[in-house]
Amino acid sequence: MTGKEKPDPPGRIKIMASFSRLMQEKDFHSITTAQIAKNADVTEGLIYKYFKNKKDLLYQVLNGHFQEFHEKIKIRMTQATSSIAKLDLIILASLEEYLENRLLSKILLLEVRNSQAFFNSGAYEMVTVYARTILKIIREGIASGEIAADTDPYLLRKVIIGAIEHACLGEVIFGKPLDIKKTAAGISDIIFNGVKP
């Protein structure tokens, strides 16, 4: 693609913002396209100009969220000097993001993964970009000798992502507080230093 990307049309931006606001107040399934349109001050028909349906709107909102998050991670990783430091940072940044955006996190952790359509969406593609970033860093760590040569990079990635998600699942669902720095440090310590005395 050459030149600058075209900016989103104002109507599309208003619809996505309206939907995001409603998601702070209501359950996804109880939100109607009429409510989204009214909140955005647009016609209901305009929603279907930009989105196939309400679920497509949800996936596109999630996609935008993931893109912003991935850009933030890339910027923060420029400060890290080793593969372990980069993984530490990803663990911390991921926990921060889950807790700062509890509603979207709840949707990601509990709802959209039950839908086959999610796995064909741009939002899921961004999830795979995140996972590939972690895998790349693990492989760099193995190559540099920071991580043991016999480590299965795919299994370590599963451990990292699983630990992140389970560490904040209850907090996201029930709105409980979480000491993010302590939890991130604890996950990193167990994964990279082990539990043997």
Protein backbone atom coordinates (compact mmCIF):
# COMPACT_ATOMS: atom_id res chain seq x y z
CA MET A 1 0.00 0.00 0.00
CA THR A 2 1.34 3.43 -0.92
CA GLY A 3 0.67 6.76 0.73
CA LYS A 4 -1.16 7.28 3.96
CA GLU A 5 -4.02 5.04 5.02
CA LYS A 6 -7.41 6.66 4.81
CA PRO A 7 -8.76 7.73 8.19
CA ASP A 8 -11.89 6.04 9.50
CA PRO A 9 -15.11 7.82 8.45
CA PRO A 10 -16.58 9.91 11.32
CA GLY A 11 -19.74 7.79 11.39
CA ARG A 12 -17.76 4.59 11.87
CA ILE A 13 -15.73 6.16 14.67
CA LYS A 14 -18.91 7.36 16.40
CA ILE A 15 -20.50 3.90 16.14
CA MET A 16 -17.46 2.17 17.65
CA ALA A 17 -17.25 4.76 20.44
CA SER A 18 -20.97 4.40 21.15
CA PHE A 19 -20.69 0.63 21.31
CA SER A 20 -17.68 0.83 23.65
CA ARG A 21 -19.60 3.16 25.99
CA LEU A 22 -22.63 0.88 26.05
CA MET A 23 -20.37 -2.08 26.81
CA GLN A 24 -19.37 -0.32 30.02
CA GLU A 25 -23.01 -0.33 31.12
CA LYS A 26 -24.60 -3.45 29.64
CA ASP A 27 -24.03 -7.05 28.71
CA PHE A 28 -23.09 -7.54 25.05
CA HIS A 29 -26.19 -9.60 24.28
CA SER A 30 -28.55 -7.00 25.73
CA ILE A 31 -27.22 -4.16 23.57
CA THR A 32 -29.29 -3.51 20.44
CA THR A 33 -28.22 -1.86 17.20
CA ALA A 34 -30.96 0.72 17.81
CA GLN A 35 -29.29 1.68 21.11
CA ILE A 36 -25.89 1.88 19.45
CA ALA A 37 -27.27 4.14 16.70
CA LYS A 38 -29.11 6.38 19.16
CA ASN A 39 -26.04 6.72 21.35
CA ALA A 40 -23.89 7.54 18.31
CA ASP A 41 -26.48 9.93 16.86
CA VAL A 42 -26.51 8.05 13.55
CA THR A 43 -29.10 6.01 11.67
CA GLU A 44 -29.28 2.30 12.39
CA GLY A 45 -28.67 1.61 8.71
CA LEU A 46 -25.24 3.25 8.94
CA ILE A 47 -24.12 0.51 11.32
CA TYR A 48 -24.69 -2.07 8.58
CA LYS A 49 -22.76 0.05 6.09
CA TYR A 50 -19.60 -0.45 8.13
CA PHE A 51 -20.26 -3.69 10.03
CA LYS A 52 -21.85 -7.01 9.04
CA ASN A 53 -23.58 -7.35 12.40
CA LYS A 54 -23.16 -6.60 16.08
CA LYS A 55 -20.56 -9.34 16.53
CA ASP A 56 -18.50 -7.95 13.66
CA LEU A 57 -18.63 -4.57 15.40
CA LEU A 58 -17.38 -6.22 18.60
CA TYR A 59 -14.50 -7.93 16.79
CA GLN A 60 -13.46 -4.68 15.13
CA VAL A 61 -13.49 -2.86 18.48
CA LEU A 62 -11.35 -5.67 19.92
CA ASN A 63 -9.06 -5.50 16.90
CA GLY A 64 -8.44 -1.79 17.46
CA HIS A 65 -7.76 -2.47 21.13
CA PHE A 66 -5.24 -5.22 20.33
CA GLN A 67 -3.45 -3.08 17.75
CA GLU A 68 -2.98 -0.26 20.26
CA PHE A 69 -1.78 -2.72 22.90
CA HIS A 70 0.74 -4.34 20.55
CA GLU A 71 2.14 -0.94 19.56
CA LYS A 72 2.54 -0.03 23.24
CA ILE A 73 4.40 -3.29 23.90
CA LYS A 74 6.75 -2.72 20.96
CA ILE A 75 7.62 0.76 22.23
CA ARG A 76 8.20 -0.46 25.79
CA MET A 77 10.36 -3.37 24.62
CA THR A 78 12.91 -0.96 23.17
CA GLN A 79 13.93 -0.34 26.80
CA ALA A 80 14.65 -4.04 27.44
CA THR A 81 18.21 -5.29 26.96
CA SER A 82 17.66 -9.07 27.11
CA SER A 83 15.12 -11.68 26.09
CA ILE A 84 14.17 -12.37 29.72
CA ALA A 85 13.69 -8.64 30.30
CA LYS A 86 11.42 -8.48 27.24
CA LEU A 87 9.34 -11.40 28.49
CA ASP A 88 9.16 -9.82 31.97
CA LEU A 89 7.88 -6.65 30.34
CA ILE A 90 5.27 -8.50 28.27
CA ILE A 91 3.96 -10.25 31.40
CA LEU A 92 3.69 -6.94 33.28
CA ALA A 93 2.20 -5.02 30.32
CA SER A 94 -0.35 -7.78 29.64
CA LEU A 95 -1.55 -7.82 33.25
CA GLU A 96 -1.79 -4.02 33.21
CA GLU A 97 -3.84 -4.11 30.00
CA TYR A 98 -6.22 -6.80 31.26
CA LEU A 99 -6.90 -4.82 34.43
CA GLU A 100 -7.17 -1.41 32.74
CA ASN A 101 -9.68 -2.74 30.21
CA ARG A 102 -11.61 -5.22 32.35
CA LEU A 103 -14.68 -5.25 30.15
CA LEU A 104 -12.87 -6.05 26.91
CA SER A 105 -10.74 -8.54 28.83
CA LYS A 106 -13.84 -10.29 30.14
CA ILE A 107 -15.21 -10.54 26.61
CA LEU A 108 -11.92 -11.93 25.32
CA LEU A 109 -11.42 -14.43 28.15
CA LEU A 110 -14.98 -15.68 28.46
CA GLU A 111 -17.12 -14.91 25.45
CA VAL A 112 -15.62 -14.58 21.98
CA ARG A 113 -13.56 -17.77 22.12
CA ASN A 114 -16.80 -19.73 21.99
CA SER A 115 -17.49 -18.34 18.52
CA GLN A 116 -15.86 -19.80 15.42
CA ALA A 117 -16.25 -16.41 13.71
CA PHE A 118 -13.79 -14.89 16.18
CA PHE A 119 -11.02 -17.13 14.87
CA ASN A 120 -11.55 -15.73 11.37
CA SER A 121 -11.52 -12.10 12.53
CA GLY A 122 -8.88 -9.37 12.46
CA ALA A 123 -9.03 -9.36 16.26
CA TYR A 124 -7.85 -12.97 16.39
CA GLU A 125 -5.10 -12.17 13.90
CA MET A 126 -3.81 -9.56 16.35
CA VAL A 127 -3.91 -12.18 19.13
CA THR A 128 -1.69 -14.40 16.98
CA VAL A 129 0.70 -11.46 16.35
CA TYR A 130 1.03 -11.12 20.15
CA ALA A 131 1.66 -14.87 20.50
CA ARG A 132 4.23 -14.84 17.69
CA THR A 133 6.04 -11.95 19.37
CA ILE A 134 6.38 -14.00 22.56
CA LEU A 135 7.58 -17.04 20.59
CA LYS A 136 10.18 -14.96 18.72
CA ILE A 137 11.59 -13.59 21.98
CA ILE A 138 11.76 -17.08 23.51
CA ARG A 139 13.69 -18.36 20.48
CA GLU A 140 16.07 -15.39 20.70
CA GLY A 141 16.60 -16.24 24.38
CA ILE A 142 17.41 -19.85 23.53
CA ALA A 143 19.82 -18.75 20.79
CA SER A 144 21.60 -16.32 23.13
CA GLY A 145 21.88 -18.85 25.97
CA GLU A 146 19.57 -16.94 28.32
CA ILE A 147 17.02 -19.75 28.14
CA ALA A 148 18.01 -23.43 28.33
CA ALA A 149 18.66 -24.94 24.90
CA ASP A 150 16.32 -27.89 25.51
CA THR A 151 13.33 -25.63 26.30
CA ASP A 152 10.27 -26.23 24.12
CA PRO A 153 9.50 -22.67 22.93
CA TYR A 154 5.86 -23.45 22.18
CA LEU A 155 5.29 -24.97 25.61
CA LEU A 156 6.99 -22.04 27.35
CA ARG A 157 4.77 -19.65 25.40
CA LYS A 158 1.68 -21.55 26.60
CA VAL A 159 2.92 -21.37 30.19
CA ILE A 160 3.46 -17.60 29.94
CA ILE A 161 0.12 -16.81 28.31
CA GLY A 162 -1.75 -19.23 30.57
CA ALA A 163 -0.18 -17.74 33.69
CA ILE A 164 -1.08 -14.20 32.60
CA GLU A 165 -4.71 -15.08 31.88
CA HIS A 166 -5.29 -17.16 35.00
CA ALA A 167 -3.59 -14.63 37.25
CA CYS A 168 -6.19 -12.00 36.45
CA LEU A 169 -9.25 -14.07 35.49
CA GLY A 170 -10.98 -13.75 38.86
CA GLU A 171 -10.08 -10.09 39.12
CA VAL A 172 -11.49 -9.34 35.66
CA ILE A 173 -14.72 -11.26 36.26
CA PHE A 174 -15.45 -10.12 39.80
CA GLY A 175 -13.76 -6.71 39.77
CA LYS A 176 -11.30 -7.61 42.51
CA PRO A 177 -8.09 -5.61 43.00
CA LEU A 178 -4.79 -7.10 41.85
CA ASP A 179 -1.25 -6.12 42.79
CA ILE A 180 -0.02 -6.10 39.20
CA LYS A 181 3.70 -5.59 39.85
CA LYS A 182 3.83 -8.25 42.57
CA THR A 183 1.88 -10.74 40.44
CA ALA A 184 4.00 -10.08 37.34
CA ALA A 185 7.21 -10.46 39.36
CA GLY A 186 5.90 -13.69 40.89
CA ILE A 187 5.02 -15.19 37.51
CA SER A 188 8.42 -14.24 36.07
CA ASP A 189 10.25 -15.63 39.10
CA ILE A 190 8.49 -19.00 38.94
CA ILE A 191 8.88 -19.32 35.16
CA PHE A 192 12.49 -18.15 34.85
CA ASN A 193 13.95 -19.16 38.23
CA GLY A 194 11.82 -22.18 39.16
CA VAL A 195 10.41 -23.25 42.50
CA LYS A 196 13.14 -25.54 43.81
CA PRO A 197 14.90 -24.19 46.95
